[in-house]
Each structure stands twice: as C-alpha cells, then as structure tokens.
Amino acid sequence: MASEVVCGLVFRLLLPVCLASACLFRYNGLSFVYLIYLLLIPLFAEPTSTTMQGHTGRLLQSLCFTSMTFLLLHIIYQITVNSLLATNSIDAGFNCSTWEKSIRQIGFER
C-alpha cells in the first residue's frame, strides 16, 4: 500500500515538477522533448506491477533513455569543445558564429 502511494506521488507529482522545471529553466530544443513527456504523463495509468509491463513502463523507459542520451551528448560536446580550446585549435571567442548559435538553440552550450 505504501509503495503504491509513493509510486503514485513520484509519477503524478515529482516527475511533472522535474519535467516542468527542465522546460522552464532551460528553454531550448531539448526542453521541447521534455514538454512532450510532460503532456503525455496524464494519459498514462499510475505505475503498478501490471501497468509497468505495459505502456506506462515503456513511457518511463523511453524517458530514462532520452535523458541519458541527452546527458551523453552534452558530455561529448563539452569534451570536444574543451579539448579544442586546450589545444588552441579554435579561438576562445568563437561563440558568435552561426554554428554556435544553432547549437545553442538545440540546447548545447559551452
């Protein structure tokens, strides 16, 4: 009983608050994906042992996979930019280029 209440609170309260804060505090292309997940949450049943085998479980798996993919892409981007700066391959003030502005709109910043 208590675990069902905790799962319900996490799924119906904590997860939407985290997704909403991700959308509000960092407005970019990656946040749009989190907004889609935020809008999908009310359409799914609360997680139980039976619903986790169905669509609710797949929603949470895809959310975790998407978040980990975004994290991995951020790490790769940061390592690439910092290694290029360390080897003086690019100028430290390269952020005014069209390429940098496009990358920022997607959600990657140095």
PDB file of N, CA and C in Angstrom:
ATOM      1  N   MET A   1       0.819  -1.199   0.000  1.00  0.00           N
ATOM      2  CA  MET A   1       0.000   0.000   0.000  1.00  0.00           C
ATOM      3  C   MET A   1       0.863   1.262   0.000  1.00  0.00           C
ATOM      4  N   ALA A   2       1.859   1.287   0.887  1.00  0.00           N
ATOM      5  CA  ALA A   2       2.699   2.475   0.978  1.00  0.00           C
ATOM      6  C   ALA A   2       3.530   2.658  -0.280  1.00  0.00           C
ATOM      7  N   SER A   3       3.989   1.554  -0.870  1.00  0.00           N
ATOM      8  CA  SER A   3       4.799   1.681  -2.074  1.00  0.00           C
ATOM      9  C   SER A   3       3.967   2.177  -3.253  1.00  0.00           C
ATOM     10  N   GLU A   4       2.691   1.807  -3.296  1.00  0.00           N
ATOM     11  CA  GLU A   4       1.816   2.307  -4.356  1.00  0.00           C
ATOM     12  C   GLU A   4       1.571   3.801  -4.210  1.00  0.00           C
ATOM     13  N   VAL A   5       1.452   4.272  -2.974  1.00  0.00           N
ATOM     14  CA  VAL A   5       1.258   5.699  -2.721  1.00  0.00           C
ATOM     15  C   VAL A   5       2.516   6.470  -3.114  1.00  0.00           C
ATOM     16  N   VAL A   6       3.673   5.938  -2.756  1.00  0.00           N
ATOM     17  CA  VAL A   6       4.932   6.594  -3.093  1.00  0.00           C
ATOM     18  C   VAL A   6       5.120   6.631  -4.609  1.00  0.00           C
ATOM     19  N   CYS A   7       4.831   5.506  -5.279  1.00  0.00           N
ATOM     20  CA  CYS A   7       4.948   5.472  -6.745  1.00  0.00           C
ATOM     21  C   CYS A   7       3.979   6.455  -7.391  1.00  0.00           C
ATOM     22  N   GLY A   8       2.781   6.542  -6.859  1.00  0.00           N
ATOM     23  CA  GLY A   8       1.806   7.489  -7.387  1.00  0.00           C
ATOM     24  C   GLY A   8       2.244   8.927  -7.204  1.00  0.00           C
ATOM     25  N   LEU A   9       2.793   9.240  -6.033  1.00  0.00           N
ATOM     26  CA  LEU A   9       3.274  10.601  -5.777  1.00  0.00           C
ATOM     27  C   LEU A   9       4.463  10.953  -6.667  1.00  0.00           C
ATOM     28  N   VAL A  10       5.356  10.017  -6.847  1.00  0.00           N
ATOM     29  CA  VAL A  10       6.514  10.279  -7.707  1.00  0.00           C
ATOM     30  C   VAL A  10       6.062  10.477  -9.143  1.00  0.00           C
ATOM     31  N   PHE A  11       5.143   9.625  -9.613  1.00  0.00           N
ATOM     32  CA  PHE A  11       4.709   9.685 -11.006  1.00  0.00           C
ATOM     33  C   PHE A  11       3.802  10.879 -11.280  1.00  0.00           C
ATOM     34  N   ARG A  12       2.940  11.213 -10.347  1.00  0.00           N
ATOM     35  CA  ARG A  12       1.970  12.294 -10.567  1.00  0.00           C
ATOM     36  C   ARG A  12       2.407  13.650 -10.038  1.00  0.00           C
ATOM     37  N   LEU A  13       3.412  13.697  -9.172  1.00  0.00           N
ATOM     38  CA  LEU A  13       3.820  14.978  -8.595  1.00  0.00           C
ATOM     39  C   LEU A  13       5.287  15.303  -8.879  1.00  0.00           C
ATOM     40  N   LEU A  14       6.188  14.425  -8.470  1.00  0.00           N
ATOM     41  CA  LEU A  14       7.614  14.724  -8.590  1.00  0.00           C
ATOM     42  C   LEU A  14       8.093  14.742 -10.041  1.00  0.00           C
ATOM     43  N   LEU A  15       7.692  13.759 -10.835  1.00  0.00           N
ATOM     44  CA  LEU A  15       8.114  13.710 -12.237  1.00  0.00           C
ATOM     45  C   LEU A  15       7.602  14.909 -13.035  1.00  0.00           C
ATOM     46  N   PRO A  16       6.314  15.300 -12.920  1.00  0.00           N
ATOM     47  CA  PRO A  16       5.878  16.503 -13.643  1.00  0.00           C
ATOM     48  C   PRO A  16       6.576  17.788 -13.182  1.00  0.00           C
ATOM     49  N   VAL A  17       6.865  17.896 -11.895  1.00  0.00           N
ATOM     50  CA  VAL A  17       7.563  19.090 -11.401  1.00  0.00           C
ATOM     51  C   VAL A  17       8.977  19.146 -11.976  1.00  0.00           C
ATOM     52  N   CYS A  18       9.657  18.014 -12.014  1.00  0.00           N
ATOM     53  CA  CYS A  18      11.014  17.980 -12.581  1.00  0.00           C
ATOM     54  C   CYS A  18      10.996  18.281 -14.071  1.00  0.00           C
ATOM     55  N   LEU A  19      10.051  17.722 -14.798  1.00  0.00           N
ATOM     56  CA  LEU A  19       9.970  17.988 -16.235  1.00  0.00           C
ATOM     57  C   LEU A  19       9.585  19.443 -16.519  1.00  0.00           C
ATOM     58  N   ALA A  20       8.679  19.984 -15.711  1.00  0.00           N
ATOM     59  CA  ALA A  20       8.288  21.388 -15.895  1.00  0.00           C
ATOM     60  C   ALA A  20       9.455  22.323 -15.596  1.00  0.00           C
ATOM     61  N   SER A  21      10.218  22.017 -14.574  1.00  0.00           N
ATOM     62  CA  SER A  21      11.376  22.866 -14.272  1.00  0.00           C
ATOM     63  C   SER A  21      12.439  22.746 -15.360  1.00  0.00           C
ATOM     64  N   ALA A  22      12.584  21.557 -15.943  1.00  0.00           N
ATOM     65  CA  ALA A  22      13.530  21.400 -17.056  1.00  0.00           C
ATOM     66  C   ALA A  22      13.090  22.227 -18.263  1.00  0.00           C
ATOM     67  N   CYS A  23      11.792  22.337 -18.462  1.00  0.00           N
ATOM     68  CA  CYS A  23      11.281  23.133 -19.593  1.00  0.00           C
ATOM     69  C   CYS A  23      11.364  24.631 -19.314  1.00  0.00           C
ATOM     70  N   LEU A  24      11.109  25.041 -18.090  1.00  0.00           N
ATOM     71  CA  LEU A  24      11.065  26.468 -17.776  1.00  0.00           C
ATOM     72  C   LEU A  24      12.436  27.100 -17.596  1.00  0.00           C
ATOM     73  N   PHE A  25      13.338  26.402 -16.940  1.00  0.00           N
ATOM     74  CA  PHE A  25      14.624  26.998 -16.628  1.00  0.00           C
ATOM     75  C   PHE A  25      15.616  26.930 -17.773  1.00  0.00           C
ATOM     76  N   ARG A  26      15.370  26.070 -18.722  1.00  0.00           N
ATOM     77  CA  ARG A  26      16.287  25.933 -19.844  1.00  0.00           C
ATOM     78  C   ARG A  26      15.461  25.794 -21.107  1.00  0.00           C
ATOM     79  N   TYR A  27      15.160  26.904 -21.713  1.00  0.00           N
ATOM     80  CA  TYR A  27      14.269  26.957 -22.862  1.00  0.00           C
ATOM     81  C   TYR A  27      15.072  26.739 -24.142  1.00  0.00           C
ATOM     82  N   ASN A  28      15.006  25.524 -24.690  1.00  0.00           N
ATOM     83  CA  ASN A  28      15.713  25.205 -25.927  1.00  0.00           C
ATOM     84  C   ASN A  28      15.050  24.000 -26.593  1.00  0.00           C
ATOM     85  N   GLY A  29      15.691  23.479 -27.617  1.00  0.00           N
ATOM     86  CA  GLY A  29      15.120  22.376 -28.378  1.00  0.00           C
ATOM     87  C   GLY A  29      15.007  21.087 -27.582  1.00  0.00           C
ATOM     88  N   LEU A  30      15.967  20.826 -26.704  1.00  0.00           N
ATOM     89  CA  LEU A  30      15.899  19.618 -25.897  1.00  0.00           C
ATOM     90  C   LEU A  30      14.770  19.688 -24.879  1.00  0.00           C
ATOM     91  N   SER A  31      14.451  20.875 -24.417  1.00  0.00           N
ATOM     92  CA  SER A  31      13.354  21.031 -23.461  1.00  0.00           C
ATOM     93  C   SER A  31      12.003  20.748 -24.107  1.00  0.00           C
ATOM     94  N   PHE A  32      11.924  20.909 -25.410  1.00  0.00           N
ATOM     95  CA  PHE A  32      10.682  20.597 -26.118  1.00  0.00           C
ATOM     96  C   PHE A  32      10.345  19.111 -25.982  1.00  0.00           C
ATOM     97  N   VAL A  33      11.353  18.269 -25.993  1.00  0.00           N
ATOM     98  CA  VAL A  33      11.134  16.829 -25.817  1.00  0.00           C
ATOM     99  C   VAL A  33      10.584  16.561 -24.416  1.00  0.00           C
ATOM    100  N   TYR A  34      11.135  17.237 -23.412  1.00  0.00           N
ATOM    101  CA  TYR A  34      10.627  17.071 -22.054  1.00  0.00           C
ATOM    102  C   TYR A  34       9.200  17.610 -21.923  1.00  0.00           C
ATOM    103  N   LEU A  35       8.866  18.646 -22.670  1.00  0.00           N
ATOM    104  CA  LEU A  35       7.499  19.158 -22.671  1.00  0.00           C
ATOM    105  C   LEU A  35       6.530  18.124 -23.232  1.00  0.00           C
ATOM    106  N   ILE A  36       6.935  17.416 -24.266  1.00  0.00           N
ATOM    107  CA  ILE A  36       6.097  16.353 -24.826  1.00  0.00           C
ATOM    108  C   ILE A  36       5.851  15.269 -23.776  1.00  0.00           C
ATOM    109  N   TYR A  37       6.909  14.857 -23.063  1.00  0.00           N
ATOM    110  CA  TYR A  37       6.738  13.874 -21.991  1.00  0.00           C
ATOM    111  C   TYR A  37       5.825  14.402 -20.895  1.00  0.00           C
ATOM    112  N   LEU A  38       5.965  15.667 -20.567  1.00  0.00           N
ATOM    113  CA  LEU A  38       5.130  16.278 -19.534  1.00  0.00           C
ATOM    114  C   LEU A  38       3.658  16.237 -19.929  1.00  0.00           C
ATOM    115  N   LEU A  39       3.383  16.482 -21.201  1.00  0.00           N
ATOM    116  CA  LEU A  39       1.998  16.443 -21.665  1.00  0.00           C
ATOM    117  C   LEU A  39       1.460  15.020 -21.794  1.00  0.00           C
ATOM    118  N   LEU A  40       2.333  14.042 -21.921  1.00  0.00           N
ATOM    119  CA  LEU A  40       1.900  12.648 -22.043  1.00  0.00           C
ATOM    120  C   LEU A  40       1.601  11.988 -20.701  1.00  0.00           C
ATOM    121  N   ILE A  41       2.172  12.471 -19.625  1.00  0.00           N
ATOM    122  CA  ILE A  41       2.028  11.819 -18.319  1.00  0.00           C
ATOM    123  C   ILE A  41       0.570  11.636 -17.888  1.00  0.00           C
ATOM    124  N   PRO A  42      -0.316  12.628 -18.042  1.00  0.00           N
ATOM    125  CA  PRO A  42      -1.705  12.399 -17.601  1.00  0.00           C
ATOM    126  C   PRO A  42      -2.444  11.316 -18.393  1.00  0.00           C
ATOM    127  N   LEU A  43      -1.941  10.951 -19.545  1.00  0.00           N
ATOM    128  CA  LEU A  43      -2.609   9.940 -20.364  1.00  0.00           C
ATOM    129  C   LEU A  43      -2.307   8.517 -19.932  1.00  0.00           C
ATOM    130  N   PHE A  44      -1.356   8.334 -19.031  1.00  0.00           N
ATOM    131  CA  PHE A  44      -0.935   7.005 -18.623  1.00  0.00           C
ATOM    132  C   PHE A  44      -1.382   6.717 -17.197  1.00  0.00           C
ATOM    133  N   ALA A  45      -1.593   5.428 -16.923  1.00  0.00           N
ATOM    134  CA  ALA A  45      -2.001   4.997 -15.588  1.00  0.00           C
ATOM    135  C   ALA A  45      -0.817   5.085 -14.631  1.00  0.00           C
ATOM    136  N   GLU A  46      -1.149   5.146 -13.348  1.00  0.00           N
ATOM    137  CA  GLU A  46      -0.096   5.183 -12.342  1.00  0.00           C
ATOM    138  C   GLU A  46       0.665   3.866 -12.352  1.00  0.00           C
ATOM    139  N   PRO A  47       1.950   3.912 -12.045  1.00  0.00           N
ATOM    140  CA  PRO A  47       2.751   2.686 -12.112  1.00  0.00           C
ATOM    141  C   PRO A  47       2.384   1.680 -11.024  1.00  0.00           C
ATOM    142  N   THR A  48       2.012   0.511 -11.461  1.00  0.00           N
ATOM    143  CA  THR A  48       1.818  -0.649 -10.591  1.00  0.00           C
ATOM    144  C   THR A  48       2.565  -1.807 -11.245  1.00  0.00           C
ATOM    145  N   SER A  49       2.485  -2.958 -10.635  1.00  0.00           N
ATOM    146  CA  SER A  49       3.208  -4.092 -11.215  1.00  0.00           C
ATOM    147  C   SER A  49       2.628  -4.484 -12.577  1.00  0.00           C
ATOM    148  N   THR A  50       1.335  -4.275 -12.797  1.00  0.00           N
ATOM    149  CA  THR A  50       0.747  -4.633 -14.086  1.00  0.00           C
ATOM    150  C   THR A  50       0.917  -3.537 -15.128  1.00  0.00           C
ATOM    151  N   THR A  51       0.805  -2.271 -14.727  1.00  0.00           N
ATOM    152  CA  THR A  51       0.934  -1.194 -15.714  1.00  0.00           C
ATOM    153  C   THR A  51       2.381  -0.972 -16.130  1.00  0.00           C
ATOM    154  N   MET A  52       3.335  -1.392 -15.290  1.00  0.00           N
ATOM    155  CA  MET A  52       4.740  -1.268 -15.667  1.00  0.00           C
ATOM    156  C   MET A  52       5.108  -2.251 -16.770  1.00  0.00           C
ATOM    157  N   GLN A  53       4.309  -3.265 -16.969  1.00  0.00           N
ATOM    158  CA  GLN A  53       4.524  -4.197 -18.072  1.00  0.00           C
ATOM    159  C   GLN A  53       3.986  -3.640 -19.385  1.00  0.00           C
ATOM    160  N   GLY A  54       3.166  -2.599 -19.314  1.00  0.00           N
ATOM    161  CA  GLY A  54       2.521  -2.050 -20.495  1.00  0.00           C
ATOM    162  C   GLY A  54       3.075  -0.689 -20.891  1.00  0.00           C
ATOM    163  N   HIS A  55       2.148   0.192 -21.241  1.00  0.00           N
ATOM    164  CA  HIS A  55       2.513   1.496 -21.789  1.00  0.00           C
ATOM    165  C   HIS A  55       3.209   2.406 -20.779  1.00  0.00           C
ATOM    166  N   THR A  56       2.813   2.341 -19.515  1.00  0.00           N
ATOM    167  CA  THR A  56       3.452   3.182 -18.501  1.00  0.00           C
ATOM    168  C   THR A  56       4.928   2.829 -18.348  1.00  0.00           C
ATOM    169  N   GLY A  57       5.227   1.562 -18.343  1.00  0.00           N
ATOM    170  CA  GLY A  57       6.612   1.125 -18.245  1.00  0.00           C
ATOM    171  C   GLY A  57       7.429   1.568 -19.448  1.00  0.00           C
ATOM    172  N   ARG A  58       6.830   1.490 -20.639  1.00  0.00           N
ATOM    173  CA  ARG A  58       7.545   1.925 -21.839  1.00  0.00           C
ATOM    174  C   ARG A  58       7.745   3.436 -21.847  1.00  0.00           C
ATOM    175  N   LEU A  59       6.774   4.191 -21.308  1.00  0.00           N
ATOM    176  CA  LEU A  59       6.945   5.640 -21.202  1.00  0.00           C
ATOM    177  C   LEU A  59       8.118   5.982 -20.296  1.00  0.00           C
ATOM    178  N   LEU A  60       8.189   5.339 -19.148  1.00  0.00           N
ATOM    179  CA  LEU A  60       9.278   5.626 -18.217  1.00  0.00           C
ATOM    180  C   LEU A  60      10.623   5.159 -18.762  1.00  0.00           C
ATOM    181  N   GLN A  61      10.644   4.040 -19.474  1.00  0.00           N
ATOM    182  CA  GLN A  61      11.883   3.580 -20.091  1.00  0.00           C
ATOM    183  C   GLN A  61      12.350   4.550 -21.171  1.00  0.00           C
ATOM    184  N   SER A  62      11.425   5.028 -21.983  1.00  0.00           N
ATOM    185  CA  SER A  62      11.819   5.961 -23.036  1.00  0.00           C
ATOM    186  C   SER A  62      12.262   7.298 -22.449  1.00  0.00           C
ATOM    187  N   LEU A  63      11.647   7.727 -21.357  1.00  0.00           N
ATOM    188  CA  LEU A  63      12.076   8.957 -20.689  1.00  0.00           C
ATOM    189  C   LEU A  63      13.486   8.807 -20.133  1.00  0.00           C
ATOM    190  N   CYS A  64      13.772   7.686 -19.512  1.00  0.00           N
ATOM    191  CA  CYS A  64      15.127   7.449 -18.985  1.00  0.00           C
ATOM    192  C   CYS A  64      16.139   7.355 -20.121  1.00  0.00           C
ATOM    193  N   PHE A  65      15.790   6.660 -21.205  1.00  0.00           N
ATOM    194  CA  PHE A  65      16.694   6.538 -22.341  1.00  0.00           C
ATOM    195  C   PHE A  65      16.967   7.895 -22.978  1.00  0.00           C
ATOM    196  N   THR A  66      15.922   8.707 -23.134  1.00  0.00           N
ATOM    197  CA  THR A  66      16.076  10.036 -23.719  1.00  0.00           C
ATOM    198  C   THR A  66      16.957  10.919 -22.843  1.00  0.00           C
ATOM    199  N   SER A  67      16.729  10.885 -21.544  1.00  0.00           N
ATOM    200  CA  SER A  67      17.529  11.698 -20.625  1.00  0.00           C
ATOM    201  C   SER A  67      18.994  11.276 -20.642  1.00  0.00           C
ATOM    202  N   MET A  68      19.240   9.977 -20.655  1.00  0.00           N
ATOM    203  CA  MET A  68      20.621   9.500 -20.691  1.00  0.00           C
ATOM    204  C   MET A  68      21.294   9.840 -22.025  1.00  0.00           C
ATOM    205  N   THR A  69      20.540   9.797 -23.102  1.00  0.00           N
ATOM    206  CA  THR A  69      21.088  10.172 -24.406  1.00  0.00           C
ATOM    207  C   THR A  69      21.453  11.643 -24.433  1.00  0.00           C
ATOM    208  N   PHE A  70      20.576  12.506 -23.917  1.00  0.00           N
ATOM    209  CA  PHE A  70      20.878  13.935 -23.851  1.00  0.00           C
ATOM    210  C   PHE A  70      22.103  14.192 -22.980  1.00  0.00           C
ATOM    211  N   LEU A  71      22.209  13.485 -21.859  1.00  0.00           N
ATOM    212  CA  LEU A  71      23.366  13.641 -20.981  1.00  0.00           C
ATOM    213  C   LEU A  71      24.645  13.219 -21.686  1.00  0.00           C
ATOM    214  N   LEU A  72      24.609  12.107 -22.391  1.00  0.00           N
ATOM    215  CA  LEU A  72      25.781  11.637 -23.118  1.00  0.00           C
ATOM    216  C   LEU A  72      26.182  12.618 -24.217  1.00  0.00           C
ATOM    217  N   LEU A  73      25.211  13.163 -24.931  1.00  0.00           N
ATOM    218  CA  LEU A  73      25.513  14.144 -25.970  1.00  0.00           C
ATOM    219  C   LEU A  73      26.117  15.416 -25.385  1.00  0.00           C
ATOM    220  N   HIS A  74      25.613  15.854 -24.223  1.00  0.00           N
ATOM    221  CA  HIS A  74      26.192  17.022 -23.551  1.00  0.00           C
ATOM    222  C   HIS A  74      27.639  16.760 -23.150  1.00  0.00           C
ATOM    223  N   ILE A  75      27.903  15.587 -22.621  1.00  0.00           N
ATOM    224  CA  ILE A  75      29.260  15.252 -22.199  1.00  0.00           C
ATOM    225  C   ILE A  75      30.199  15.227 -23.400  1.00  0.00           C
ATOM    226  N   ILE A  76      29.772  14.601 -24.484  1.00  0.00           N
ATOM    227  CA  ILE A  76      30.600  14.543 -25.690  1.00  0.00           C
ATOM    228  C   ILE A  76      30.861  15.948 -26.224  1.00  0.00           C
ATOM    229  N   TYR A  77      29.842  16.783 -26.244  1.00  0.00           N
ATOM    230  CA  TYR A  77      30.006  18.153 -26.743  1.00  0.00           C
ATOM    231  C   TYR A  77      30.981  18.945 -25.874  1.00  0.00           C
ATOM    232  N   GLN A  78      30.831  18.836 -24.558  1.00  0.00           N
ATOM    233  CA  GLN A  78      31.703  19.588 -23.655  1.00  0.00           C
ATOM    234  C   GLN A  78      33.158  19.118 -23.763  1.00  0.00           C
ATOM    235  N   ILE A  79      33.367  17.815 -23.871  1.00  0.00           N
ATOM    236  CA  ILE A  79      34.728  17.297 -24.012  1.00  0.00           C
ATOM    237  C   ILE A  79      35.345  17.785 -25.317  1.00  0.00           C
ATOM    238  N   THR A  80      34.561  17.775 -26.387  1.00  0.00           N
ATOM    239  CA  THR A  80      35.070  18.213 -27.682  1.00  0.00           C
ATOM    240  C   THR A  80      35.454  19.683 -27.663  1.00  0.00           C
ATOM    241  N   VAL A  81      34.582  20.528 -27.165  1.00  0.00           N
ATOM    242  CA  VAL A  81      34.862  21.970 -27.140  1.00  0.00           C
ATOM    243  C   VAL A  81      36.035  22.277 -26.234  1.00  0.00           C
ATOM    244  N   ASN A  82      36.071  21.666 -25.057  1.00  0.00           N
ATOM    245  CA  ASN A  82      37.173  21.952 -24.136  1.00  0.00           C
ATOM    246  C   ASN A  82      38.507  21.417 -24.645  1.00  0.00           C
ATOM    247  N   SER A  83      38.503  20.294 -25.324  1.00  0.00           N
ATOM    248  CA  SER A  83      39.768  19.791 -25.870  1.00  0.00           C
ATOM    249  C   SER A  83      40.240  20.655 -27.031  1.00  0.00           C
ATOM    250  N   LEU A  84      39.319  21.179 -27.833  1.00  0.00           N
ATOM    251  CA  LEU A  84      39.713  22.087 -28.907  1.00  0.00           C
ATOM    252  C   LEU A  84      40.244  23.403 -28.354  1.00  0.00           C
ATOM    253  N   LEU A  85      39.657  23.877 -27.270  1.00  0.00           N
ATOM    254  CA  LEU A  85      40.172  25.097 -26.638  1.00  0.00           C
ATOM    255  C   LEU A  85      41.539  24.864 -25.997  1.00  0.00           C
ATOM    256  N   ALA A  86      41.734  23.690 -25.415  1.00  0.00           N
ATOM    257  CA  ALA A  86      43.003  23.401 -24.744  1.00  0.00           C
ATOM    258  C   ALA A  86      44.157  23.286 -25.735  1.00  0.00           C
ATOM    259  N   THR A  87      43.871  22.794 -26.918  1.00  0.00           N
ATOM    260  CA  THR A  87      44.938  22.642 -27.918  1.00  0.00           C
ATOM    261  C   THR A  87      45.066  23.863 -28.816  1.00  0.00           C
ATOM    262  N   ASN A  88      44.327  24.912 -28.502  1.00  0.00           N
ATOM    263  CA  ASN A  88      44.326  26.158 -29.282  1.00  0.00           C
ATOM    264  C   ASN A  88      43.954  25.930 -30.749  1.00  0.00           C
ATOM    265  N   SER A  89      43.123  24.936 -30.999  1.00  0.00           N
ATOM    266  CA  SER A  89      42.647  24.681 -32.356  1.00  0.00           C
ATOM    267  C   SER A  89      41.579  25.677 -32.769  1.00  0.00           C
ATOM    268  N   ILE A  90      40.879  26.216 -31.783  1.00  0.00           N
ATOM    269  CA  ILE A  90      39.863  27.234 -32.053  1.00  0.00           C
ATOM    270  C   ILE A  90      40.103  28.404 -31.123  1.00  0.00           C
ATOM    271  N   ASP A  91      39.593  29.544 -31.505  1.00  0.00           N
ATOM    272  CA  ASP A  91      39.735  30.761 -30.711  1.00  0.00           C
ATOM    273  C   ASP A  91      38.747  30.709 -29.545  1.00  0.00           C
ATOM    274  N   ALA A  92      39.108  31.276 -28.425  1.00  0.00           N
ATOM    275  CA  ALA A  92      38.239  31.268 -27.246  1.00  0.00           C
ATOM    276  C   ALA A  92      36.967  32.082 -27.470  1.00  0.00           C
ATOM    277  N   GLY A  93      36.974  33.017 -28.397  1.00  0.00           N
ATOM    278  CA  GLY A  93      35.804  33.837 -28.666  1.00  0.00           C
ATOM    279  C   GLY A  93      35.028  33.386 -29.883  1.00  0.00           C
ATOM    280  N   PHE A  94      34.943  32.086 -30.112  1.00  0.00           N
ATOM    281  CA  PHE A  94      34.288  31.582 -31.305  1.00  0.00           C
ATOM    282  C   PHE A  94      32.768  31.521 -31.183  1.00  0.00           C
ATOM    283  N   ASN A  95      32.208  31.987 -30.088  1.00  0.00           N
ATOM    284  CA  ASN A  95      30.788  31.800 -29.825  1.00  0.00           C
ATOM    285  C   ASN A  95      29.864  32.698 -30.637  1.00  0.00           C
ATOM    286  N   CYS A  96      30.358  33.531 -31.486  1.00  0.00           N
ATOM    287  CA  CYS A  96      29.496  34.408 -32.271  1.00  0.00           C
ATOM    288  C   CYS A  96      29.192  33.846 -33.651  1.00  0.00           C
ATOM    289  N   SER A  97      29.656  32.672 -33.942  1.00  0.00           N
ATOM    290  CA  SER A  97      29.441  32.105 -35.261  1.00  0.00           C
ATOM    291  C   SER A  97      28.014  31.582 -35.398  1.00  0.00           C
ATOM    292  N   THR A  98      27.594  31.392 -36.599  1.00  0.00           N
ATOM    293  CA  THR A  98      26.264  30.858 -36.870  1.00  0.00           C
ATOM    294  C   THR A  98      26.137  29.442 -36.325  1.00  0.00           C
ATOM    295  N   TRP A  99      27.212  28.679 -36.446  1.00  0.00           N
ATOM    296  CA  TRP A  99      27.220  27.311 -35.942  1.00  0.00           C
ATOM    297  C   TRP A  99      26.970  27.277 -34.435  1.00  0.00           C
ATOM    298  N   GLU A 100      27.621  28.164 -33.705  1.00  0.00           N
ATOM    299  CA  GLU A 100      27.447  28.202 -32.246  1.00  0.00           C
ATOM    300  C   GLU A 100      26.030  28.623 -31.868  1.00  0.00           C
ATOM    301  N   LYS A 101      25.457  29.564 -32.593  1.00  0.00           N
ATOM    302  CA  LYS A 101      24.084  29.986 -32.300  1.00  0.00           C
ATOM    303  C   LYS A 101      23.102  28.859 -32.565  1.00  0.00           C
ATOM    304  N   SER A 102      23.328  28.090 -33.606  1.00  0.00           N
ATOM    305  CA  SER A 102      22.458  26.948 -33.908  1.00  0.00           C
ATOM    306  C   SER A 102      22.564  25.873 -32.842  1.00  0.00           C
ATOM    307  N   ILE A 103      23.775  25.609 -32.405  1.00  0.00           N
ATOM    308  CA  ILE A 103      23.988  24.602 -31.359  1.00  0.00           C
ATOM    309  C   ILE A 103      23.321  25.042 -30.058  1.00  0.00           C
ATOM    310  N   ARG A 104      23.359  26.327 -29.752  1.00  0.00           N
ATOM    311  CA  ARG A 104      22.711  26.824 -28.536  1.00  0.00           C
ATOM    312  C   ARG A 104      21.204  26.657 -28.588  1.00  0.00           C
ATOM    313  N   GLN A 105      20.610  26.848 -29.752  1.00  0.00           N
ATOM    314  CA  GLN A 105      19.164  26.697 -29.889  1.00  0.00           C
ATOM    315  C   GLN A 105      18.740  25.247 -29.651  1.00  0.00           C
ATOM    316  N   ILE A 106      19.581  24.311 -30.034  1.00  0.00           N
ATOM    317  CA  ILE A 106      19.284  22.897 -29.774  1.00  0.00           C
ATOM    318  C   ILE A 106      19.378  22.612 -28.285  1.00  0.00           C
ATOM    319  N   GLY A 107      20.337  23.219 -27.624  1.00  0.00           N
ATOM    320  CA  GLY A 107      20.453  23.023 -26.188  1.00  0.00           C
ATOM    321  C   GLY A 107      21.847  22.780 -25.683  1.00  0.00           C
ATOM    322  N   PHE A 108      22.844  22.856 -26.533  1.00  0.00           N
ATOM    323  CA  PHE A 108      24.212  22.639 -26.116  1.00  0.00           C
ATOM    324  C   PHE A 108      24.934  23.969 -26.002  1.00  0.00           C
ATOM    325  N   GLU A 109      25.572  24.192 -24.852  1.00  0.00           N
ATOM    326  CA  GLU A 109      26.342  25.409 -24.622  1.00  0.00           C
ATOM    327  C   GLU A 109      27.668  25.036 -24.013  1.00  0.00           C
ATOM    328  N   ARG A 110      28.659  25.860 -24.309  1.00  0.00           N
ATOM    329  CA  ARG A 110      29.964  25.559 -23.714  1.00  0.00           C
ATOM    330  C   ARG A 110      30.108  26.266 -22.396  1.00  0.00           C
TER     331      ARG A 110
END
